[in-house]
């Protein structure tokens, strides 16, 4: 039997690996078992909305990669950075802003 290519599993697995999460650490972070996460990434199991939401947020995944995979990706480093910033708390945001100001000032 021919297995249909699973875009969702591929996107999640790639994002997890690029974020340096182990399967164990990501599963604990989003409140699922490692086996459940393995099945999503490798066996085509579809997560609940709640789990999908947590995965998208935790891994800073562009939802278009999941919901519109046929659309050519125009993701840039800036768009990826913006998505990551949404997951930061105020203390981290202030640190990032201060660092960016110093770096920009050095360029002038």
PDB file of N, CA and C in Angstrom:
ATOM      1  N   UNK A   1       0.842  -1.179   0.000  1.00  0.00           N
ATOM      2  CA  UNK A   1       0.000   0.000   0.000  1.00  0.00           C
ATOM      3  C   UNK A   1       0.892   1.248   0.000  1.00  0.00           C
ATOM      4  N   UNK A   2       0.566   2.215  -0.818  1.00  0.00           N
ATOM      5  CA  UNK A   2       1.323   3.458  -0.918  1.00  0.00           C
ATOM      6  C   UNK A   2       0.914   4.419   0.195  1.00  0.00           C
ATOM      7  N   UNK A   3       1.905   4.891   0.939  1.00  0.00           N
ATOM      8  CA  UNK A   3       1.625   5.818   2.040  1.00  0.00           C
ATOM      9  C   UNK A   3       1.613   7.251   1.511  1.00  0.00           C
ATOM     10  N   UNK A   4       0.550   7.963   1.806  1.00  0.00           N
ATOM     11  CA  UNK A   4       0.433   9.354   1.395  1.00  0.00           C
ATOM     12  C   UNK A   4       1.436  10.200   2.178  1.00  0.00           C
ATOM     13  N   UNK A   5       2.099  11.092   1.490  1.00  0.00           N
ATOM     14  CA  UNK A   5       3.077  11.966   2.117  1.00  0.00           C
ATOM     15  C   UNK A   5       2.398  12.829   3.179  1.00  0.00           C
ATOM     16  N   UNK A   6       2.967  12.873   4.381  1.00  0.00           N
ATOM     17  CA  UNK A   6       2.375  13.614   5.493  1.00  0.00           C
ATOM     18  C   UNK A   6       3.109  14.927   5.705  1.00  0.00           C
ATOM     19  N   UNK A   7       2.545  16.001   5.180  1.00  0.00           N
ATOM     20  CA  UNK A   7       3.161  17.318   5.279  1.00  0.00           C
ATOM     21  C   UNK A   7       3.192  17.796   6.717  1.00  0.00           C
ATOM     22  N   UNK A   8       2.101  17.610   7.452  1.00  0.00           N
ATOM     23  CA  UNK A   8       2.038  18.074   8.832  1.00  0.00           C
ATOM     24  C   UNK A   8       3.162  17.460   9.664  1.00  0.00           C
ATOM     25  N   UNK A   9       3.319  16.158   9.593  1.00  0.00           N
ATOM     26  CA  UNK A   9       4.374  15.490  10.356  1.00  0.00           C
ATOM     27  C   UNK A   9       5.757  15.995   9.978  1.00  0.00           C
ATOM     28  N   UNK A  10       5.987  16.185   8.686  1.00  0.00           N
ATOM     29  CA  UNK A  10       7.283  16.681   8.213  1.00  0.00           C
ATOM     30  C   UNK A  10       7.566  18.093   8.725  1.00  0.00           C
ATOM     31  N   UNK A  11       6.559  18.954   8.686  1.00  0.00           N
ATOM     32  CA  UNK A  11       6.728  20.341   9.138  1.00  0.00           C
ATOM     33  C   UNK A  11       7.039  20.373  10.632  1.00  0.00           C
ATOM     34  N   UNK A  12       6.305  19.602  11.407  1.00  0.00           N
ATOM     35  CA  UNK A  12       6.512  19.589  12.854  1.00  0.00           C
ATOM     36  C   UNK A  12       7.882  19.014  13.203  1.00  0.00           C
ATOM     37  N   UNK A  13       8.235  17.916  12.568  1.00  0.00           N
ATOM     38  CA  UNK A  13       9.529  17.287  12.846  1.00  0.00           C
ATOM     39  C   UNK A  13      10.688  18.224  12.482  1.00  0.00           C
ATOM     40  N   UNK A  14      10.603  18.848  11.336  1.00  0.00           N
ATOM     41  CA  UNK A  14      11.649  19.769  10.898  1.00  0.00           C
ATOM     42  C   UNK A  14      11.761  20.960  11.858  1.00  0.00           C
ATOM     43  N   UNK A  15      10.619  21.521  12.246  1.00  0.00           N
ATOM     44  CA  UNK A  15      10.636  22.670  13.161  1.00  0.00           C
ATOM     45  C   UNK A  15      11.197  22.265  14.517  1.00  0.00           C
ATOM     46  N   UNK A  16      10.840  21.074  14.990  1.00  0.00           N
ATOM     47  CA  UNK A  16      11.363  20.601  16.274  1.00  0.00           C
ATOM     48  C   UNK A  16      12.879  20.432  16.204  1.00  0.00           C
ATOM     49  N   UNK A  17      13.373  19.828  15.158  1.00  0.00           N
ATOM     50  CA  UNK A  17      14.812  19.615  15.016  1.00  0.00           C
ATOM     51  C   UNK A  17      15.552  20.947  14.869  1.00  0.00           C
ATOM     52  N   UNK A  18      14.973  21.885  14.131  1.00  0.00           N
ATOM     53  CA  UNK A  18      15.603  23.194  13.966  1.00  0.00           C
ATOM     54  C   UNK A  18      15.588  24.013  15.244  1.00  0.00           C
ATOM     55  N   UNK A  19      14.655  23.702  16.144  1.00  0.00           N
ATOM     56  CA  UNK A  19      14.557  24.409  17.422  1.00  0.00           C
ATOM     57  C   UNK A  19      15.365  23.722  18.513  1.00  0.00           C
ATOM     58  N   UNK A  20      16.078  22.672  18.163  1.00  0.00           N
ATOM     59  CA  UNK A  20      16.901  21.914  19.106  1.00  0.00           C
ATOM     60  C   UNK A  20      16.112  21.322  20.266  1.00  0.00           C
ATOM     61  N   UNK A  21      14.843  20.989  20.020  1.00  0.00           N
ATOM     62  CA  UNK A  21      14.053  20.254  21.007  1.00  0.00           C
ATOM     63  C   UNK A  21      14.261  18.773  20.750  1.00  0.00           C
ATOM     64  N   UNK A  22      14.380  18.012  21.822  1.00  0.00           N
ATOM     65  CA  UNK A  22      14.287  16.568  21.666  1.00  0.00           C
ATOM     66  C   UNK A  22      12.802  16.241  21.631  1.00  0.00           C
ATOM     67  N   UNK A  23      12.479  15.054  21.166  1.00  0.00           N
ATOM     68  CA  UNK A  23      11.084  14.650  21.161  1.00  0.00           C
ATOM     69  C   UNK A  23      10.556  14.634  22.602  1.00  0.00           C
ATOM     70  N   UNK A  24      11.391  14.180  23.513  1.00  0.00           N
ATOM     71  CA  UNK A  24      11.011  14.096  24.928  1.00  0.00           C
ATOM     72  C   UNK A  24      10.735  15.480  25.517  1.00  0.00           C
ATOM     73  N   UNK A  25      11.613  16.442  25.258  1.00  0.00           N
ATOM     74  CA  UNK A  25      11.433  17.774  25.849  1.00  0.00           C
ATOM     75  C   UNK A  25      10.236  18.508  25.252  1.00  0.00           C
ATOM     76  N   UNK A  26      10.010  18.357  23.947  1.00  0.00           N
ATOM     77  CA  UNK A  26       8.861  19.012  23.328  1.00  0.00           C
ATOM     78  C   UNK A  26       7.558  18.386  23.817  1.00  0.00           C
ATOM     79  N   UNK A  27       7.530  17.071  23.900  1.00  0.00           N
ATOM     80  CA  UNK A  27       6.319  16.387  24.374  1.00  0.00           C
ATOM     81  C   UNK A  27       5.965  16.865  25.787  1.00  0.00           C
ATOM     82  N   UNK A  28       6.960  16.964  26.649  1.00  0.00           N
ATOM     83  CA  UNK A  28       6.716  17.437  28.020  1.00  0.00           C
ATOM     84  C   UNK A  28       6.231  18.880  28.017  1.00  0.00           C
ATOM     85  N   UNK A  29       6.804  19.692  27.163  1.00  0.00           N
ATOM     86  CA  UNK A  29       6.455  21.120  27.107  1.00  0.00           C
ATOM     87  C   UNK A  29       5.007  21.346  26.671  1.00  0.00           C
ATOM     88  N   UNK A  30       4.518  20.511  25.747  1.00  0.00           N
ATOM     89  CA  UNK A  30       3.151  20.709  25.251  1.00  0.00           C
ATOM     90  C   UNK A  30       2.140  19.776  25.906  1.00  0.00           C
ATOM     91  N   UNK A  31       2.613  18.911  26.808  1.00  0.00           N
ATOM     92  CA  UNK A  31       1.701  18.076  27.572  1.00  0.00           C
ATOM     93  C   UNK A  31       1.171  16.838  26.878  1.00  0.00           C
ATOM     94  N   UNK A  32       2.016  16.206  26.060  1.00  0.00           N
ATOM     95  CA  UNK A  32       1.639  14.939  25.426  1.00  0.00           C
ATOM     96  C   UNK A  32       2.747  13.924  25.692  1.00  0.00           C
ATOM     97  N   UNK A  33       2.493  12.677  25.374  1.00  0.00           N
ATOM     98  CA  UNK A  33       3.529  11.655  25.529  1.00  0.00           C
ATOM     99  C   UNK A  33       4.469  11.686  24.329  1.00  0.00           C
ATOM    100  N   UNK A  34       5.664  11.149  24.543  1.00  0.00           N
ATOM    101  CA  UNK A  34       6.608  11.045  23.424  1.00  0.00           C
ATOM    102  C   UNK A  34       6.015  10.197  22.306  1.00  0.00           C
ATOM    103  N   UNK A  35       5.321   9.146  22.667  1.00  0.00           N
ATOM    104  CA  UNK A  35       4.717   8.243  21.673  1.00  0.00           C
ATOM    105  C   UNK A  35       3.693   8.991  20.812  1.00  0.00           C
ATOM    106  N   UNK A  36       2.903   9.844  21.457  1.00  0.00           N
ATOM    107  CA  UNK A  36       1.910  10.632  20.720  1.00  0.00           C
ATOM    108  C   UNK A  36       2.609  11.563  19.729  1.00  0.00           C
ATOM    109  N   UNK A  37       3.656  12.244  20.185  1.00  0.00           N
ATOM    110  CA  UNK A  37       4.400  13.147  19.308  1.00  0.00           C
ATOM    111  C   UNK A  37       5.067  12.357  18.177  1.00  0.00           C
ATOM    112  N   UNK A  38       5.604  11.180  18.493  1.00  0.00           N
ATOM    113  CA  UNK A  38       6.210  10.332  17.469  1.00  0.00           C
ATOM    114  C   UNK A  38       5.186   9.979  16.390  1.00  0.00           C
ATOM    115  N   UNK A  39       3.990   9.630  16.813  1.00  0.00           N
ATOM    116  CA  UNK A  39       2.941   9.263  15.856  1.00  0.00           C
ATOM    117  C   UNK A  39       2.545  10.445  14.978  1.00  0.00           C
ATOM    118  N   UNK A  40       2.537  11.643  15.541  1.00  0.00           N
ATOM    119  CA  UNK A  40       2.223  12.841  14.743  1.00  0.00           C
ATOM    120  C   UNK A  40       3.317  13.069  13.706  1.00  0.00           C
ATOM    121  N   UNK A  41       4.577  12.999  14.138  1.00  0.00           N
ATOM    122  CA  UNK A  41       5.695  13.274  13.241  1.00  0.00           C
ATOM    123  C   UNK A  41       5.921  12.184  12.189  1.00  0.00           C
ATOM    124  N   UNK A  42       5.715  10.936  12.566  1.00  0.00           N
ATOM    125  CA  UNK A  42       6.156   9.834  11.708  1.00  0.00           C
ATOM    126  C   UNK A  42       5.077   8.907  11.180  1.00  0.00           C
ATOM    127  N   UNK A  43       3.910   8.914  11.780  1.00  0.00           N
ATOM    128  CA  UNK A  43       2.883   7.957  11.377  1.00  0.00           C
ATOM    129  C   UNK A  43       1.611   8.613  10.842  1.00  0.00           C
ATOM    130  N   UNK A  44       1.631   9.905  10.665  1.00  0.00           N
ATOM    131  CA  UNK A  44       0.489  10.585  10.073  1.00  0.00           C
ATOM    132  C   UNK A  44      -0.682  10.821  11.010  1.00  0.00           C
ATOM    133  N   UNK A  45      -0.490  10.597  12.307  1.00  0.00           N
ATOM    134  CA  UNK A  45      -1.588  10.861  13.248  1.00  0.00           C
ATOM    135  C   UNK A  45      -1.840  12.363  13.303  1.00  0.00           C
ATOM    136  N   UNK A  46      -3.097  12.744  13.274  1.00  0.00           N
ATOM    137  CA  UNK A  46      -3.459  14.156  13.310  1.00  0.00           C
ATOM    138  C   UNK A  46      -3.700  14.586  14.757  1.00  0.00           C
ATOM    139  N   UNK A  47      -3.056  15.659  15.196  1.00  0.00           N
ATOM    140  CA  UNK A  47      -3.236  16.112  16.577  1.00  0.00           C
ATOM    141  C   UNK A  47      -4.576  16.828  16.753  1.00  0.00           C
ATOM    142  N   UNK A  48      -5.004  16.909  17.997  1.00  0.00           N
ATOM    143  CA  UNK A  48      -6.189  17.713  18.307  1.00  0.00           C
ATOM    144  C   UNK A  48      -5.847  19.174  18.033  1.00  0.00           C
ATOM    145  N   UNK A  49      -6.871  20.014  17.970  1.00  0.00           N
ATOM    146  CA  UNK A  49      -6.629  21.439  17.752  1.00  0.00           C
ATOM    147  C   UNK A  49      -5.734  22.001  18.849  1.00  0.00           C
ATOM    148  N   UNK A  50      -5.987  21.615  20.105  1.00  0.00           N
ATOM    149  CA  UNK A  50      -5.216  22.121  21.235  1.00  0.00           C
ATOM    150  C   UNK A  50      -3.735  21.773  21.091  1.00  0.00           C
ATOM    151  N   UNK A  51      -3.438  20.534  20.728  1.00  0.00           N
ATOM    152  CA  UNK A  51      -2.051  20.105  20.562  1.00  0.00           C
ATOM    153  C   UNK A  51      -1.419  20.796  19.356  1.00  0.00           C
ATOM    154  N   UNK A  52      -2.149  20.904  18.259  1.00  0.00           N
ATOM    155  CA  UNK A  52      -1.625  21.596  17.081  1.00  0.00           C
ATOM    156  C   UNK A  52      -1.314  23.051  17.409  1.00  0.00           C
ATOM    157  N   UNK A  53      -2.205  23.715  18.115  1.00  0.00           N
ATOM    158  CA  UNK A  53      -1.994  25.109  18.528  1.00  0.00           C
ATOM    159  C   UNK A  53      -0.700  25.226  19.343  1.00  0.00           C
ATOM    160  N   UNK A  54      -0.521  24.334  20.315  1.00  0.00           N
ATOM    161  CA  UNK A  54       0.685  24.374  21.153  1.00  0.00           C
ATOM    162  C   UNK A  54       1.942  24.128  20.324  1.00  0.00           C
ATOM    163  N   UNK A  55       1.875  23.198  19.384  1.00  0.00           N
ATOM    164  CA  UNK A  55       3.036  22.917  18.530  1.00  0.00           C
ATOM    165  C   UNK A  55       3.396  24.128  17.675  1.00  0.00           C
ATOM    166  N   UNK A  56       2.398  24.732  17.056  1.00  0.00           N
ATOM    167  CA  UNK A  56       2.639  25.901  16.215  1.00  0.00           C
ATOM    168  C   UNK A  56       3.276  27.025  17.030  1.00  0.00           C
ATOM    169  N   UNK A  57       2.737  27.277  18.213  1.00  0.00           N
ATOM    170  CA  UNK A  57       3.255  28.352  19.061  1.00  0.00           C
ATOM    171  C   UNK A  57       4.653  28.044  19.598  1.00  0.00           C
ATOM    172  N   UNK A  58       4.835  26.848  20.111  1.00  0.00           N
ATOM    173  CA  UNK A  58       6.103  26.478  20.738  1.00  0.00           C
ATOM    174  C   UNK A  58       7.245  26.425  19.736  1.00  0.00           C
ATOM    175  N   UNK A  59       6.951  25.982  18.524  1.00  0.00           N
ATOM    176  CA  UNK A  59       7.991  25.818  17.505  1.00  0.00           C
ATOM    177  C   UNK A  59       8.067  27.002  16.536  1.00  0.00           C
ATOM    178  N   UNK A  60       7.236  28.025  16.755  1.00  0.00           N
ATOM    179  CA  UNK A  60       7.199  29.202  15.872  1.00  0.00           C
ATOM    180  C   UNK A  60       7.014  28.790  14.413  1.00  0.00           C
ATOM    181  N   UNK A  61       6.050  27.913  14.184  1.00  0.00           N
ATOM    182  CA  UNK A  61       5.774  27.427  12.833  1.00  0.00           C
ATOM    183  C   UNK A  61       4.855  28.411  12.120  1.00  0.00           C
ATOM    184  N   UNK A  62       5.179  28.726  10.893  1.00  0.00           N
ATOM    185  CA  UNK A  62       4.299  29.528  10.053  1.00  0.00           C
ATOM    186  C   UNK A  62       3.099  28.649   9.699  1.00  0.00           C
ATOM    187  N   UNK A  63       1.895  28.995  10.148  1.00  0.00           N
ATOM    188  CA  UNK A  63       0.725  28.159   9.864  1.00  0.00           C
ATOM    189  C   UNK A  63       0.502  27.886   8.382  1.00  0.00           C
ATOM    190  N   UNK A  64       0.951  28.785   7.514  1.00  0.00           N
ATOM    191  CA  UNK A  64       0.796  28.564   6.079  1.00  0.00           C
ATOM    192  C   UNK A  64       1.517  27.285   5.625  1.00  0.00           C
ATOM    193  N   UNK A  65       2.602  26.918   6.299  1.00  0.00           N
ATOM    194  CA  UNK A  65       3.318  25.694   5.929  1.00  0.00           C
ATOM    195  C   UNK A  65       2.443  24.462   6.129  1.00  0.00           C
ATOM    196  N   UNK A  66       1.502  24.560   7.069  1.00  0.00           N
ATOM    197  CA  UNK A  66       0.613  23.437   7.356  1.00  0.00           C
ATOM    198  C   UNK A  66      -0.673  23.528   6.541  1.00  0.00           C
ATOM    199  N   UNK A  67      -1.296  24.702   6.536  1.00  0.00           N
ATOM    200  CA  UNK A  67      -2.616  24.845   5.934  1.00  0.00           C
ATOM    201  C   UNK A  67      -2.594  25.172   4.440  1.00  0.00           C
ATOM    202  N   UNK A  68      -1.489  25.715   3.958  1.00  0.00           N
ATOM    203  CA  UNK A  68      -1.347  26.027   2.530  1.00  0.00           C
ATOM    204  C   UNK A  68       0.008  25.530   2.032  1.00  0.00           C
ATOM    205  N   UNK A  69       0.265  24.224   2.094  1.00  0.00           N
ATOM    206  CA  UNK A  69       1.588  23.722   1.723  1.00  0.00           C
ATOM    207  C   UNK A  69       1.931  23.928   0.248  1.00  0.00           C
ATOM    208  N   UNK A  70       0.906  24.094  -0.583  1.00  0.00           N
ATOM    209  CA  UNK A  70       1.160  24.297  -2.014  1.00  0.00           C
ATOM    210  C   UNK A  70       1.642  25.717  -2.311  1.00  0.00           C
ATOM    211  N   UNK A  71       1.427  26.614  -1.389  1.00  0.00           N
ATOM    212  CA  UNK A  71       1.833  28.004  -1.554  1.00  0.00           C
ATOM    213  C   UNK A  71       3.354  28.098  -1.398  1.00  0.00           C
ATOM    214  N   UNK A  72       3.982  28.778  -2.323  1.00  0.00           N
ATOM    215  CA  UNK A  72       5.421  28.947  -2.223  1.00  0.00           C
ATOM    216  C   UNK A  72       5.762  29.736  -0.968  1.00  0.00           C
ATOM    217  N   UNK A  73       6.727  29.243  -0.243  1.00  0.00           N
ATOM    218  CA  UNK A  73       7.124  29.899   1.003  1.00  0.00           C
ATOM    219  C   UNK A  73       7.967  31.117   0.702  1.00  0.00           C
ATOM    220  N   UNK A  74       7.558  32.233   1.264  1.00  0.00           N
ATOM    221  CA  UNK A  74       8.318  33.469   1.122  1.00  0.00           C
ATOM    222  C   UNK A  74       8.866  33.872   2.482  1.00  0.00           C
ATOM    223  N   UNK A  75       9.013  32.870   3.346  1.00  0.00           N
ATOM    224  CA  UNK A  75       9.462  33.139   4.705  1.00  0.00           C
ATOM    225  C   UNK A  75      10.864  33.730   4.687  1.00  0.00           C
ATOM    226  N   UNK A  76      11.020  34.779   5.409  1.00  0.00           N
ATOM    227  CA  UNK A  76      12.329  35.397   5.540  1.00  0.00           C
ATOM    228  C   UNK A  76      12.770  35.289   6.988  1.00  0.00           C
ATOM    229  N   UNK A  77      13.993  35.598   7.234  1.00  0.00           N
ATOM    230  CA  UNK A  77      14.511  35.588   8.598  1.00  0.00           C
ATOM    231  C   UNK A  77      13.750  36.589   9.465  1.00  0.00           C
ATOM    232  N   UNK A  78      13.342  37.699   8.892  1.00  0.00           N
ATOM    233  CA  UNK A  78      12.603  38.713   9.656  1.00  0.00           C
ATOM    234  C   UNK A  78      11.240  38.174  10.080  1.00  0.00           C
ATOM    235  N   UNK A  79      10.526  37.509   9.173  1.00  0.00           N
ATOM    236  CA  UNK A  79       9.222  36.942   9.522  1.00  0.00           C
ATOM    237  C   UNK A  79       9.367  35.879  10.609  1.00  0.00           C
ATOM    238  N   UNK A  80      10.404  35.072  10.523  1.00  0.00           N
ATOM    239  CA  UNK A  80      10.656  34.053  11.530  1.00  0.00           C
ATOM    240  C   UNK A  80      10.967  34.704  12.877  1.00  0.00           C
ATOM    241  N   UNK A  81      11.761  35.753  12.874  1.00  0.00           N
ATOM    242  CA  UNK A  81      12.084  36.480  14.099  1.00  0.00           C
ATOM    243  C   UNK A  81      10.830  37.084  14.729  1.00  0.00           C
ATOM    244  N   UNK A  82       9.967  37.646  13.928  1.00  0.00           N
ATOM    245  CA  UNK A  82       8.729  38.239  14.441  1.00  0.00           C
ATOM    246  C   UNK A  82       7.877  37.183  15.116  1.00  0.00           C
ATOM    247  N   UNK A  83       7.750  36.001  14.510  1.00  0.00           N
ATOM    248  CA  UNK A  83       6.976  34.927  15.130  1.00  0.00           C
ATOM    249  C   UNK A  83       7.584  34.510  16.457  1.00  0.00           C
ATOM    250  N   UNK A  84       8.908  34.448  16.525  1.00  0.00           N
ATOM    251  CA  UNK A  84       9.574  34.077  17.774  1.00  0.00           C
ATOM    252  C   UNK A  84       9.357  35.135  18.851  1.00  0.00           C
ATOM    253  N   UNK A  85       9.342  36.404  18.450  1.00  0.00           N
ATOM    254  CA  UNK A  85       9.155  37.483  19.430  1.00  0.00           C
ATOM    255  C   UNK A  85       7.809  37.396  20.131  1.00  0.00           C
ATOM    256  N   UNK A  86       6.789  36.909  19.439  1.00  0.00           N
ATOM    257  CA  UNK A  86       5.465  36.781  20.043  1.00  0.00           C
ATOM    258  C   UNK A  86       5.454  35.819  21.230  1.00  0.00           C
ATOM    259  N   UNK A  87       6.404  34.904  21.278  1.00  0.00           N
ATOM    260  CA  UNK A  87       6.429  33.942  22.380  1.00  0.00           C
ATOM    261  C   UNK A  87       7.286  34.405  23.559  1.00  0.00           C
ATOM    262  N   UNK A  88       7.883  35.589  23.460  1.00  0.00           N
ATOM    263  CA  UNK A  88       8.751  36.104  24.523  1.00  0.00           C
ATOM    264  C   UNK A  88       7.950  36.851  25.582  1.00  0.00           C
ATOM    265  N   UNK A  89       8.437  36.770  26.822  1.00  0.00           N
ATOM    266  CA  UNK A  89       7.824  37.581  27.873  1.00  0.00           C
ATOM    267  C   UNK A  89       8.439  38.989  27.838  1.00  0.00           C
ATOM    268  N   UNK A  90       7.917  39.904  28.654  1.00  0.00           N
ATOM    269  CA  UNK A  90       8.363  41.306  28.618  1.00  0.00           C
ATOM    270  C   UNK A  90       9.837  41.469  28.942  1.00  0.00           C
ATOM    271  N   UNK A  91      10.359  40.685  29.882  1.00  0.00           N
ATOM    272  CA  UNK A  91      11.767  40.793  30.255  1.00  0.00           C
ATOM    273  C   UNK A  91      12.663  40.446  29.068  1.00  0.00           C
ATOM    274  N   UNK A  92      12.334  39.367  28.394  1.00  0.00           N
ATOM    275  CA  UNK A  92      13.134  38.955  27.233  1.00  0.00           C
ATOM    276  C   UNK A  92      12.993  39.967  26.103  1.00  0.00           C
ATOM    277  N   UNK A  93      11.775  40.473  25.868  1.00  0.00           N
ATOM    278  CA  UNK A  93      11.576  41.488  24.824  1.00  0.00           C
ATOM    279  C   UNK A  93      12.420  42.726  25.079  1.00  0.00           C
ATOM    280  N   UNK A  94      12.456  43.190  26.327  1.00  0.00           N
ATOM    281  CA  UNK A  94      13.273  44.366  26.665  1.00  0.00           C
ATOM    282  C   UNK A  94      14.743  44.100  26.395  1.00  0.00           C
ATOM    283  N   UNK A  95      15.213  42.908  26.720  1.00  0.00           N
ATOM    284  CA  UNK A  95      16.613  42.552  26.459  1.00  0.00           C
ATOM    285  C   UNK A  95      16.900  42.535  24.962  1.00  0.00           C
ATOM    286  N   UNK A  96      15.995  41.951  24.188  1.00  0.00           N
ATOM    287  CA  UNK A  96      16.178  41.896  22.733  1.00  0.00           C
ATOM    288  C   UNK A  96      16.173  43.294  22.131  1.00  0.00           C
ATOM    289  N   UNK A  97      15.249  44.142  22.578  1.00  0.00           N
ATOM    290  CA  UNK A  97      15.170  45.506  22.065  1.00  0.00           C
ATOM    291  C   UNK A  97      16.445  46.279  22.402  1.00  0.00           C
ATOM    292  N   UNK A  98      16.915  46.162  23.637  1.00  0.00           N
ATOM    293  CA  UNK A  98      18.148  46.848  24.042  1.00  0.00           C
ATOM    294  C   UNK A  98      19.337  46.375  23.217  1.00  0.00           C
ATOM    295  N   UNK A  99      19.420  45.075  23.005  1.00  0.00           N
ATOM    296  CA  UNK A  99      20.512  44.518  22.205  1.00  0.00           C
ATOM    297  C   UNK A  99      20.453  45.019  20.770  1.00  0.00           C
ATOM    298  N   UNK A 100      19.250  45.023  20.193  1.00  0.00           N
ATOM    299  CA  UNK A 100      19.091  45.501  18.819  1.00  0.00           C
ATOM    300  C   UNK A 100      19.497  46.966  18.695  1.00  0.00           C
ATOM    301  N   UNK A 101      19.109  47.791  19.676  1.00  0.00           N
ATOM    302  CA  UNK A 101      19.473  49.216  19.639  1.00  0.00           C
ATOM    303  C   UNK A 101      20.978  49.392  19.657  1.00  0.00           C
ATOM    304  N   UNK A 102      21.669  48.633  20.497  1.00  0.00           N
ATOM    305  CA  UNK A 102      23.134  48.722  20.579  1.00  0.00           C
ATOM    306  C   UNK A 102      23.762  48.295  19.253  1.00  0.00           C
ATOM    307  N   UNK A 103      23.282  47.201  18.692  1.00  0.00           N
ATOM    308  CA  UNK A 103      23.841  46.714  17.421  1.00  0.00           C
ATOM    309  C   UNK A 103      23.604  47.705  16.283  1.00  0.00           C
ATOM    310  N   UNK A 104      22.415  48.282  16.243  1.00  0.00           N
ATOM    311  CA  UNK A 104      22.097  49.252  15.185  1.00  0.00           C
ATOM    312  C   UNK A 104      22.957  50.504  15.349  1.00  0.00           C
ATOM    313  N   UNK A 105      23.148  50.944  16.588  1.00  0.00           N
ATOM    314  CA  UNK A 105      23.969  52.128  16.839  1.00  0.00           C
ATOM    315  C   UNK A 105      25.398  51.895  16.394  1.00  0.00           C
ATOM    316  N   UNK A 106      25.914  50.667  16.590  1.00  0.00           N
ATOM    317  CA  UNK A 106      27.272  50.343  16.169  1.00  0.00           C
ATOM    318  C   UNK A 106      27.420  50.392  14.650  1.00  0.00           C
ATOM    319  N   UNK A 107      26.332  50.151  13.929  1.00  0.00           N
ATOM    320  CA  UNK A 107      26.386  50.194  12.462  1.00  0.00           C
ATOM    321  C   UNK A 107      26.478  51.613  11.920  1.00  0.00           C
ATOM    322  N   UNK A 108      26.010  52.563  12.711  1.00  0.00           N
ATOM    323  CA  UNK A 108      25.980  53.967  12.234  1.00  0.00           C
ATOM    324  C   UNK A 108      27.340  54.602  12.233  1.00  0.00           C
TER     325      UNK A 108
END
